[in-house]
Structure formats: structure tokens, C-alpha cells
Full PDB file with SEQRES, HELIX, SHEET, SSBOND, CRYST1, ORIGX, SCALE, CONECT and MASTER records, all heavy atoms in Angstrom:
SEQRES   1 A   31  THR MET ALA GLN VAL VAL ASP ALA ASN ARG GLN LEU GLU          
SEQRES   2 A   31  CYS ALA ALA LEU THR HIS LEU VAL LYS LYS THR GLN GLU          
SEQRES   3 A   31  TRP ARG PRO ALA PRO                                          
HELIX    1 AA1 MET A    2  LEU A   20  1                                  19    
CRYST1    1.000    1.000    1.000  90.00  90.00  90.00 P 1           1          
ORIGX1      1.000000  0.000000  0.000000        0.00000                         
ORIGX2      0.000000  1.000000  0.000000        0.00000                         
ORIGX3      0.000000  0.000000  1.000000        0.00000                         
SCALE1      1.000000  0.000000  0.000000        0.00000                         
SCALE2      0.000000  1.000000  0.000000        0.00000                         
SCALE3      0.000000  0.000000  1.000000        0.00000                         
ATOM      1  N   THR A   1     115.323 -15.188  97.980  1.00  0.00           N  
ATOM      2  CA  THR A   1     114.091 -14.656  98.492  1.00  0.00           C  
ATOM      3  C   THR A   1     113.224 -14.147  97.329  1.00  0.00           C  
ATOM      4  O   THR A   1     113.738 -13.966  96.261  1.00  0.00           O  
ATOM      5  CB  THR A   1     114.340 -13.548  99.435  1.00  0.00           C  
ATOM      6  OG1 THR A   1     114.899 -12.423  98.739  1.00  0.00           O  
ATOM      7  CG2 THR A   1     115.283 -13.907 100.564  1.00  0.00           C  
ATOM      8  N   MET A   2     112.002 -13.882  97.607  1.00  0.00           N  
ATOM      9  CA  MET A   2     111.074 -13.408  96.481  1.00  0.00           C  
ATOM     10  C   MET A   2     111.587 -12.005  96.055  1.00  0.00           C  
ATOM     11  O   MET A   2     111.555 -11.647  94.885  1.00  0.00           O  
ATOM     12  CB  MET A   2     109.684 -13.356  97.034  1.00  0.00           C  
ATOM     13  CG  MET A   2     109.154 -14.755  97.423  1.00  0.00           C  
ATOM     14  SD  MET A   2     107.386 -14.745  97.801  1.00  0.00           S  
ATOM     15  CE  MET A   2     106.660 -14.714  96.125  1.00  0.00           C  
ATOM     16  N   ALA A   3     112.107 -11.186  96.949  1.00  0.00           N  
ATOM     17  CA  ALA A   3     112.625  -9.885  96.558  1.00  0.00           C  
ATOM     18  C   ALA A   3     113.868 -10.042  95.703  1.00  0.00           C  
ATOM     19  O   ALA A   3     114.047  -9.295  94.707  1.00  0.00           O  
ATOM     20  CB  ALA A   3     112.965  -9.076  97.798  1.00  0.00           C  
ATOM     21  N   GLN A   4     114.760 -11.031  95.992  1.00  0.00           N  
ATOM     22  CA  GLN A   4     115.900 -11.248  95.191  1.00  0.00           C  
ATOM     23  C   GLN A   4     115.535 -11.778  93.818  1.00  0.00           C  
ATOM     24  O   GLN A   4     116.171 -11.392  92.816  1.00  0.00           O  
ATOM     25  CB  GLN A   4     116.787 -12.260  95.895  1.00  0.00           C  
ATOM     26  CG  GLN A   4     117.536 -11.692  97.122  1.00  0.00           C  
ATOM     27  CD  GLN A   4     118.267 -12.701  97.928  1.00  0.00           C  
ATOM     28  OE1 GLN A   4     117.878 -13.949  97.878  1.00  0.00           O  
ATOM     29  NE2 GLN A   4     119.301 -12.290  98.592  1.00  0.00           N  
ATOM     30  N   VAL A   5     114.516 -12.560  93.717  1.00  0.00           N  
ATOM     31  CA  VAL A   5     113.990 -13.040  92.391  1.00  0.00           C  
ATOM     32  C   VAL A   5     113.520 -11.887  91.532  1.00  0.00           C  
ATOM     33  O   VAL A   5     113.825 -11.760  90.369  1.00  0.00           O  
ATOM     34  CB  VAL A   5     112.870 -14.052  92.605  1.00  0.00           C  
ATOM     35  CG1 VAL A   5     112.154 -14.311  91.227  1.00  0.00           C  
ATOM     36  CG2 VAL A   5     113.383 -15.321  93.205  1.00  0.00           C  
ATOM     37  N   VAL A   6     112.813 -10.907  92.164  1.00  0.00           N  
ATOM     38  CA  VAL A   6     112.308  -9.754  91.423  1.00  0.00           C  
ATOM     39  C   VAL A   6     113.534  -8.929  90.952  1.00  0.00           C  
ATOM     40  O   VAL A   6     113.575  -8.542  89.783  1.00  0.00           O  
ATOM     41  CB  VAL A   6     111.422  -8.895  92.292  1.00  0.00           C  
ATOM     42  CG1 VAL A   6     111.133  -7.563  91.661  1.00  0.00           C  
ATOM     43  CG2 VAL A   6     110.115  -9.636  92.611  1.00  0.00           C  
ATOM     44  N   ASP A   7     114.501  -8.719  91.782  1.00  0.00           N  
ATOM     45  CA  ASP A   7     115.710  -7.965  91.463  1.00  0.00           C  
ATOM     46  C   ASP A   7     116.471  -8.612  90.302  1.00  0.00           C  
ATOM     47  O   ASP A   7     116.904  -7.910  89.353  1.00  0.00           O  
ATOM     48  CB  ASP A   7     116.623  -7.745  92.683  1.00  0.00           C  
ATOM     49  CG  ASP A   7     116.012  -6.776  93.678  1.00  0.00           C  
ATOM     50  OD1 ASP A   7     115.101  -6.026  93.311  1.00  0.00           O  
ATOM     51  OD2 ASP A   7     116.515  -6.773  94.844  1.00  0.00           O  
ATOM     52  N   ALA A   8     116.609  -9.905  90.430  1.00  0.00           N  
ATOM     53  CA  ALA A   8     117.374 -10.655  89.355  1.00  0.00           C  
ATOM     54  C   ALA A   8     116.684 -10.547  88.033  1.00  0.00           C  
ATOM     55  O   ALA A   8     117.310 -10.398  86.987  1.00  0.00           O  
ATOM     56  CB  ALA A   8     117.566 -12.097  89.822  1.00  0.00           C  
ATOM     57  N   ASN A   9     115.352 -10.680  88.061  1.00  0.00           N  
ATOM     58  CA  ASN A   9     114.595 -10.590  86.788  1.00  0.00           C  
ATOM     59  C   ASN A   9     114.674  -9.217  86.124  1.00  0.00           C  
ATOM     60  O   ASN A   9     114.778  -9.064  84.953  1.00  0.00           O  
ATOM     61  CB  ASN A   9     113.091 -11.000  86.966  1.00  0.00           C  
ATOM     62  CG  ASN A   9     112.902 -12.520  86.959  1.00  0.00           C  
ATOM     63  OD1 ASN A   9     113.536 -13.190  86.104  1.00  0.00           O  
ATOM     64  ND2 ASN A   9     112.098 -13.017  87.850  1.00  0.00           N  
ATOM     65  N   ARG A  10     114.655  -8.226  87.002  1.00  0.00           N  
ATOM     66  CA  ARG A  10     114.814  -6.863  86.453  1.00  0.00           C  
ATOM     67  C   ARG A  10     116.173  -6.667  85.805  1.00  0.00           C  
ATOM     68  O   ARG A  10     116.352  -5.997  84.817  1.00  0.00           O  
ATOM     69  CB  ARG A  10     114.624  -5.828  87.625  1.00  0.00           C  
ATOM     70  CG  ARG A  10     113.182  -5.658  88.068  1.00  0.00           C  
ATOM     71  CD  ARG A  10     113.126  -4.681  89.259  1.00  0.00           C  
ATOM     72  NE  ARG A  10     111.703  -4.461  89.646  1.00  0.00           N  
ATOM     73  CZ  ARG A  10     111.376  -3.930  90.790  1.00  0.00           C  
ATOM     74  NH1 ARG A  10     112.287  -3.527  91.644  1.00  0.00           N  
ATOM     75  NH2 ARG A  10     110.106  -3.733  91.101  1.00  0.00           N  
ATOM     76  N   GLN A  11     117.159  -7.240  86.479  1.00  0.00           N  
ATOM     77  CA  GLN A  11     118.569  -7.116  85.999  1.00  0.00           C  
ATOM     78  C   GLN A  11     118.654  -7.815  84.620  1.00  0.00           C  
ATOM     79  O   GLN A  11     119.266  -7.329  83.692  1.00  0.00           O  
ATOM     80  CB  GLN A  11     119.539  -7.700  86.985  1.00  0.00           C  
ATOM     81  CG  GLN A  11     120.979  -7.511  86.559  1.00  0.00           C  
ATOM     82  CD  GLN A  11     121.425  -6.057  86.581  1.00  0.00           C  
ATOM     83  OE1 GLN A  11     120.839  -5.261  87.349  1.00  0.00           O  
ATOM     84  NE2 GLN A  11     122.338  -5.682  85.709  1.00  0.00           N  
ATOM     85  N   LEU A  12     118.025  -9.016  84.495  1.00  0.00           N  
ATOM     86  CA  LEU A  12     118.067  -9.731  83.233  1.00  0.00           C  
ATOM     87  C   LEU A  12     117.330  -8.942  82.146  1.00  0.00           C  
ATOM     88  O   LEU A  12     117.733  -8.881  80.989  1.00  0.00           O  
ATOM     89  CB  LEU A  12     117.405 -11.063  83.453  1.00  0.00           C  
ATOM     90  CG  LEU A  12     118.180 -12.091  84.266  1.00  0.00           C  
ATOM     91  CD1 LEU A  12     117.356 -13.414  84.414  1.00  0.00           C  
ATOM     92  CD2 LEU A  12     119.507 -12.427  83.621  1.00  0.00           C  
ATOM     93  N   GLU A  13     116.210  -8.298  82.492  1.00  0.00           N  
ATOM     94  CA  GLU A  13     115.449  -7.538  81.575  1.00  0.00           C  
ATOM     95  C   GLU A  13     116.293  -6.314  81.072  1.00  0.00           C  
ATOM     96  O   GLU A  13     116.337  -5.932  79.848  1.00  0.00           O  
ATOM     97  CB  GLU A  13     114.127  -7.042  82.144  1.00  0.00           C  
ATOM     98  CG  GLU A  13     113.144  -8.107  82.381  1.00  0.00           C  
ATOM     99  CD  GLU A  13     111.948  -7.650  83.156  1.00  0.00           C  
ATOM    100  OE1 GLU A  13     111.913  -6.433  83.535  1.00  0.00           O  
ATOM    101  OE2 GLU A  13     111.053  -8.514  83.465  1.00  0.00           O  
ATOM    102  N   CYS A  14     117.015  -5.697  82.013  1.00  0.00           N  
ATOM    103  CA  CYS A  14     117.880  -4.561  81.638  1.00  0.00           C  
ATOM    104  C   CYS A  14     119.032  -4.959  80.681  1.00  0.00           C  
ATOM    105  O   CYS A  14     119.354  -4.258  79.827  1.00  0.00           O  
ATOM    106  CB  CYS A  14     118.434  -3.931  82.941  1.00  0.00           C  
ATOM    107  SG  CYS A  14     117.208  -2.948  83.886  1.00  0.00           S  
ATOM    108  N   ALA A  15     119.616  -6.141  81.035  1.00  0.00           N  
ATOM    109  CA  ALA A  15     120.654  -6.654  80.219  1.00  0.00           C  
ATOM    110  C   ALA A  15     120.211  -6.992  78.804  1.00  0.00           C  
ATOM    111  O   ALA A  15     120.895  -6.749  77.801  1.00  0.00           O  
ATOM    112  CB  ALA A  15     121.225  -7.949  80.906  1.00  0.00           C  
ATOM    113  N   ALA A  16     118.926  -7.582  78.665  1.00  0.00           N  
ATOM    114  CA  ALA A  16     118.398  -7.849  77.382  1.00  0.00           C  
ATOM    115  C   ALA A  16     118.165  -6.555  76.596  1.00  0.00           C  
ATOM    116  O   ALA A  16     118.504  -6.511  75.340  1.00  0.00           O  
ATOM    117  CB  ALA A  16     117.122  -8.584  77.580  1.00  0.00           C  
ATOM    118  N   LEU A  17     117.680  -5.531  77.286  1.00  0.00           N  
ATOM    119  CA  LEU A  17     117.465  -4.272  76.611  1.00  0.00           C  
ATOM    120  C   LEU A  17     118.754  -3.594  76.099  1.00  0.00           C  
ATOM    121  O   LEU A  17     118.845  -3.130  75.019  1.00  0.00           O  
ATOM    122  CB  LEU A  17     116.737  -3.314  77.519  1.00  0.00           C  
ATOM    123  CG  LEU A  17     116.378  -1.909  76.992  1.00  0.00           C  
ATOM    124  CD1 LEU A  17     115.494  -2.031  75.750  1.00  0.00           C  
ATOM    125  CD2 LEU A  17     115.779  -1.053  78.017  1.00  0.00           C  
ATOM    126  N   THR A  18     119.803  -3.762  76.999  1.00  0.00           N  
ATOM    127  CA  THR A  18     121.073  -3.200  76.593  1.00  0.00           C  
ATOM    128  C   THR A  18     121.602  -3.849  75.328  1.00  0.00           C  
ATOM    129  O   THR A  18     122.129  -3.181  74.433  1.00  0.00           O  
ATOM    130  CB  THR A  18     122.048  -3.416  77.727  1.00  0.00           C  
ATOM    131  OG1 THR A  18     121.591  -2.735  78.918  1.00  0.00           O  
ATOM    132  CG2 THR A  18     123.442  -2.833  77.292  1.00  0.00           C  
ATOM    133  N   HIS A  19     121.437  -5.146  75.186  1.00  0.00           N  
ATOM    134  CA  HIS A  19     121.900  -5.896  74.020  1.00  0.00           C  
ATOM    135  C   HIS A  19     121.141  -5.556  72.769  1.00  0.00           C  
ATOM    136  O   HIS A  19     121.622  -5.579  71.649  1.00  0.00           O  
ATOM    137  CB  HIS A  19     121.896  -7.342  74.245  1.00  0.00           C  
ATOM    138  CG  HIS A  19     122.925  -7.847  75.242  1.00  0.00           C  
ATOM    139  ND1 HIS A  19     124.281  -7.699  74.943  1.00  0.00           N  
ATOM    140  CD2 HIS A  19     122.828  -8.477  76.359  1.00  0.00           C  
ATOM    141  CE1 HIS A  19     124.974  -8.190  75.967  1.00  0.00           C  
ATOM    142  NE2 HIS A  19     124.133  -8.694  76.840  1.00  0.00           N  
ATOM    143  N   LEU A  20     119.886  -5.117  72.968  1.00  0.00           N  
ATOM    144  CA  LEU A  20     119.017  -4.824  71.766  1.00  0.00           C  
ATOM    145  C   LEU A  20     119.160  -3.316  71.354  1.00  0.00           C  
ATOM    146  O   LEU A  20     118.630  -3.015  70.287  1.00  0.00           O  
ATOM    147  CB  LEU A  20     117.527  -5.095  72.205  1.00  0.00           C  
ATOM    148  CG  LEU A  20     117.136  -6.546  72.349  1.00  0.00           C  
ATOM    149  CD1 LEU A  20     115.765  -6.658  72.890  1.00  0.00           C  
ATOM    150  CD2 LEU A  20     117.265  -7.288  71.028  1.00  0.00           C  
ATOM    151  N   VAL A  21     119.758  -2.530  72.202  1.00  0.00           N  
ATOM    152  CA  VAL A  21     119.869  -1.108  71.822  1.00  0.00           C  
ATOM    153  C   VAL A  21     120.655  -0.976  70.521  1.00  0.00           C  
ATOM    154  O   VAL A  21     121.736  -1.477  70.382  1.00  0.00           O  
ATOM    155  CB  VAL A  21     120.583  -0.282  72.976  1.00  0.00           C  
ATOM    156  CG1 VAL A  21     120.870   1.086  72.496  1.00  0.00           C  
ATOM    157  CG2 VAL A  21     119.595  -0.213  74.111  1.00  0.00           C  
ATOM    158  N   LYS A  22     120.091  -0.215  69.600  1.00  0.00           N  
ATOM    159  CA  LYS A  22     120.731   0.003  68.322  1.00  0.00           C  
ATOM    160  C   LYS A  22     121.470   1.269  68.325  1.00  0.00           C  
ATOM    161  O   LYS A  22     122.585   1.386  67.881  1.00  0.00           O  
ATOM    162  CB  LYS A  22     119.652   0.019  67.226  1.00  0.00           C  
ATOM    163  CG  LYS A  22     120.256   0.175  65.810  1.00  0.00           C  
ATOM    164  CD  LYS A  22     119.078   0.164  64.788  1.00  0.00           C  
ATOM    165  CE  LYS A  22     119.602   0.420  63.429  1.00  0.00           C  
ATOM    166  NZ  LYS A  22     118.467   0.487  62.400  1.00  0.00           N  
ATOM    167  N   LYS A  23     120.879   2.333  68.829  1.00  0.00           N  
ATOM    168  CA  LYS A  23     121.516   3.638  68.938  1.00  0.00           C  
ATOM    169  C   LYS A  23     120.842   4.468  70.002  1.00  0.00           C  
ATOM    170  O   LYS A  23     119.646   4.193  70.357  1.00  0.00           O  
ATOM    171  CB  LYS A  23     121.551   4.340  67.640  1.00  0.00           C  
ATOM    172  CG  LYS A  23     120.140   4.661  67.071  1.00  0.00           C  
ATOM    173  CD  LYS A  23     120.285   5.382  65.773  1.00  0.00           C  
ATOM    174  CE  LYS A  23     118.834   5.698  65.154  1.00  0.00           C  
ATOM    175  NZ  LYS A  23     118.970   6.373  63.877  1.00  0.00           N  
ATOM    176  N   THR A  24     121.438   5.436  70.477  1.00  0.00           N  
ATOM    177  CA  THR A  24     120.874   6.353  71.389  1.00  0.00           C  
ATOM    178  C   THR A  24     120.992   7.743  70.970  1.00  0.00           C  
ATOM    179  O   THR A  24     121.973   8.086  70.215  1.00  0.00           O  
ATOM    180  CB  THR A  24     121.520   6.177  72.859  1.00  0.00           C  
ATOM    181  OG1 THR A  24     122.827   6.659  72.782  1.00  0.00           O  
ATOM    182  CG2 THR A  24     121.337   4.805  73.365  1.00  0.00           C  
ATOM    183  N   GLN A  25     120.054   8.659  71.289  1.00  0.00           N  
ATOM    184  CA  GLN A  25     120.145   9.972  70.971  1.00  0.00           C  
ATOM    185  C   GLN A  25     119.559  10.850  72.046  1.00  0.00           C  
ATOM    186  O   GLN A  25     118.474  10.515  72.621  1.00  0.00           O  
ATOM    187  CB  GLN A  25     119.352  10.244  69.639  1.00  0.00           C  
ATOM    188  CG  GLN A  25     119.364  11.712  69.142  1.00  0.00           C  
ATOM    189  CD  GLN A  25     118.582  11.916  67.903  1.00  0.00           C  
ATOM    190  OE1 GLN A  25     118.190  10.888  67.257  1.00  0.00           O  
ATOM    191  NE2 GLN A  25     118.307  13.096  67.582  1.00  0.00           N  
ATOM    192  N   GLU A  26     120.220  11.913  72.442  1.00  0.00           N  
ATOM    193  CA  GLU A  26     119.703  12.749  73.527  1.00  0.00           C  
ATOM    194  C   GLU A  26     119.293  14.118  72.904  1.00  0.00           C  
ATOM    195  O   GLU A  26     119.877  14.629  71.972  1.00  0.00           O  
ATOM    196  CB  GLU A  26     120.823  12.960  74.596  1.00  0.00           C  
ATOM    197  CG  GLU A  26     121.105  11.696  75.352  1.00  0.00           C  
ATOM    198  CD  GLU A  26     122.043  12.028  76.540  1.00  0.00           C  
ATOM    199  OE1 GLU A  26     122.181  13.196  76.892  1.00  0.00           O  
ATOM    200  OE2 GLU A  26     122.664  11.050  77.091  1.00  0.00           O  
ATOM    201  N   TRP A  27     118.357  14.751  73.546  1.00  0.00           N  
ATOM    202  CA  TRP A  27     117.951  16.113  73.170  1.00  0.00           C  
ATOM    203  C   TRP A  27     117.544  16.839  74.397  1.00  0.00           C  
ATOM    204  O   TRP A  27     117.166  16.207  75.408  1.00  0.00           O  
ATOM    205  CB  TRP A  27     116.898  16.132  72.087  1.00  0.00           C  
ATOM    206  CG  TRP A  27     115.549  15.633  72.510  1.00  0.00           C  
ATOM    207  CD1 TRP A  27     114.569  16.360  73.137  1.00  0.00           C  
ATOM    208  CD2 TRP A  27     115.100  14.228  72.489  1.00  0.00           C  
ATOM    209  NE1 TRP A  27     113.492  15.572  73.337  1.00  0.00           N  
ATOM    210  CE2 TRP A  27     113.781  14.284  73.012  1.00  0.00           C  
ATOM    211  CE3 TRP A  27     115.650  13.081  72.049  1.00  0.00           C  
ATOM    212  CZ2 TRP A  27     113.061  13.095  73.146  1.00  0.00           C  
ATOM    213  CZ3 TRP A  27     114.882  11.944  72.195  1.00  0.00           C  
ATOM    214  CH2 TRP A  27     113.572  11.929  72.703  1.00  0.00           C  
ATOM    215  N   ARG A  28     117.431  18.144  74.348  1.00  0.00           N  
ATOM    216  CA  ARG A  28     117.013  18.885  75.475  1.00  0.00           C  
ATOM    217  C   ARG A  28     115.466  18.860  75.612  1.00  0.00           C  
ATOM    218  O   ARG A  28     114.777  19.019  74.668  1.00  0.00           O  
ATOM    219  CB  ARG A  28     117.419  20.355  75.324  1.00  0.00           C  
ATOM    220  CG  ARG A  28     118.947  20.524  75.473  1.00  0.00           C  
ATOM    221  CD  ARG A  28     119.328  22.038  75.416  1.00  0.00           C  
ATOM    222  NE  ARG A  28     120.769  22.201  75.560  1.00  0.00           N  
ATOM    223  CZ  ARG A  28     121.321  23.429  75.629  1.00  0.00           C  
ATOM    224  NH1 ARG A  28     120.617  24.544  75.485  1.00  0.00           N  
ATOM    225  NH2 ARG A  28     122.624  23.501  75.787  1.00  0.00           N  
ATOM    226  N   PRO A  29     115.007  18.664  76.799  1.00  0.00           N  
ATOM    227  CA  PRO A  29     113.567  18.662  77.044  1.00  0.00           C  
ATOM    228  C   PRO A  29     113.027  20.039  76.996  1.00  0.00           C  
ATOM    229  O   PRO A  29     113.717  21.047  77.053  1.00  0.00           O  
ATOM    230  CB  PRO A  29     113.448  18.016  78.457  1.00  0.00           C  
ATOM    231  CG  PRO A  29     114.717  18.407  79.153  1.00  0.00           C  
ATOM    232  CD  PRO A  29     115.775  18.387  78.045  1.00  0.00           C  
ATOM    233  N   ALA A  30     111.638  20.132  77.023  1.00  0.00           N  
ATOM    234  CA  ALA A  30     111.003  21.398  77.121  1.00  0.00           C  
ATOM    235  C   ALA A  30     111.378  22.114  78.414  1.00  0.00           C  
ATOM    236  O   ALA A  30     111.685  21.474  79.379  1.00  0.00           O  
ATOM    237  CB  ALA A  30     109.530  21.215  76.997  1.00  0.00           C  
ATOM    238  N   PRO A  31     111.356  23.456  78.375  1.00  0.00           N  
ATOM    239  CA  PRO A  31     111.732  24.257  79.595  1.00  0.00           C  
ATOM    240  C   PRO A  31     111.080  23.816  80.867  1.00  0.00           C  
ATOM    241  O   PRO A  31     111.730  23.705  81.948  1.00  0.00           O  
ATOM    242  CB  PRO A  31     111.420  25.698  79.191  1.00  0.00           C  
ATOM    243  CG  PRO A  31     111.515  25.728  77.713  1.00  0.00           C  
ATOM    244  CD  PRO A  31     110.958  24.298  77.271  1.00  0.00           C  
TER     245      PRO A  31                                                      
MASTER        0    0    0    1    0    0    0    6  244    1    0    3          
END                                                                             
């Protein structure tokens, strides 16, 4: 379905981003 196509493309984009991640760093946000 068109909704499934959208979901699948989002998943592929997330997977591509995951593979490109070099490092992550977390910090506390402003109060």
C-alpha cells in the first residue's frame, strides 16, 4: 500500500543513517 511504501522508505533512511553514524554524544539540555 502507499502507507507501507512510506514506512519502508523511512526504515531504509533510518538504516542508512545508522550505518553513517560515526559517534554519538549526549549532554544535558537547558533547564
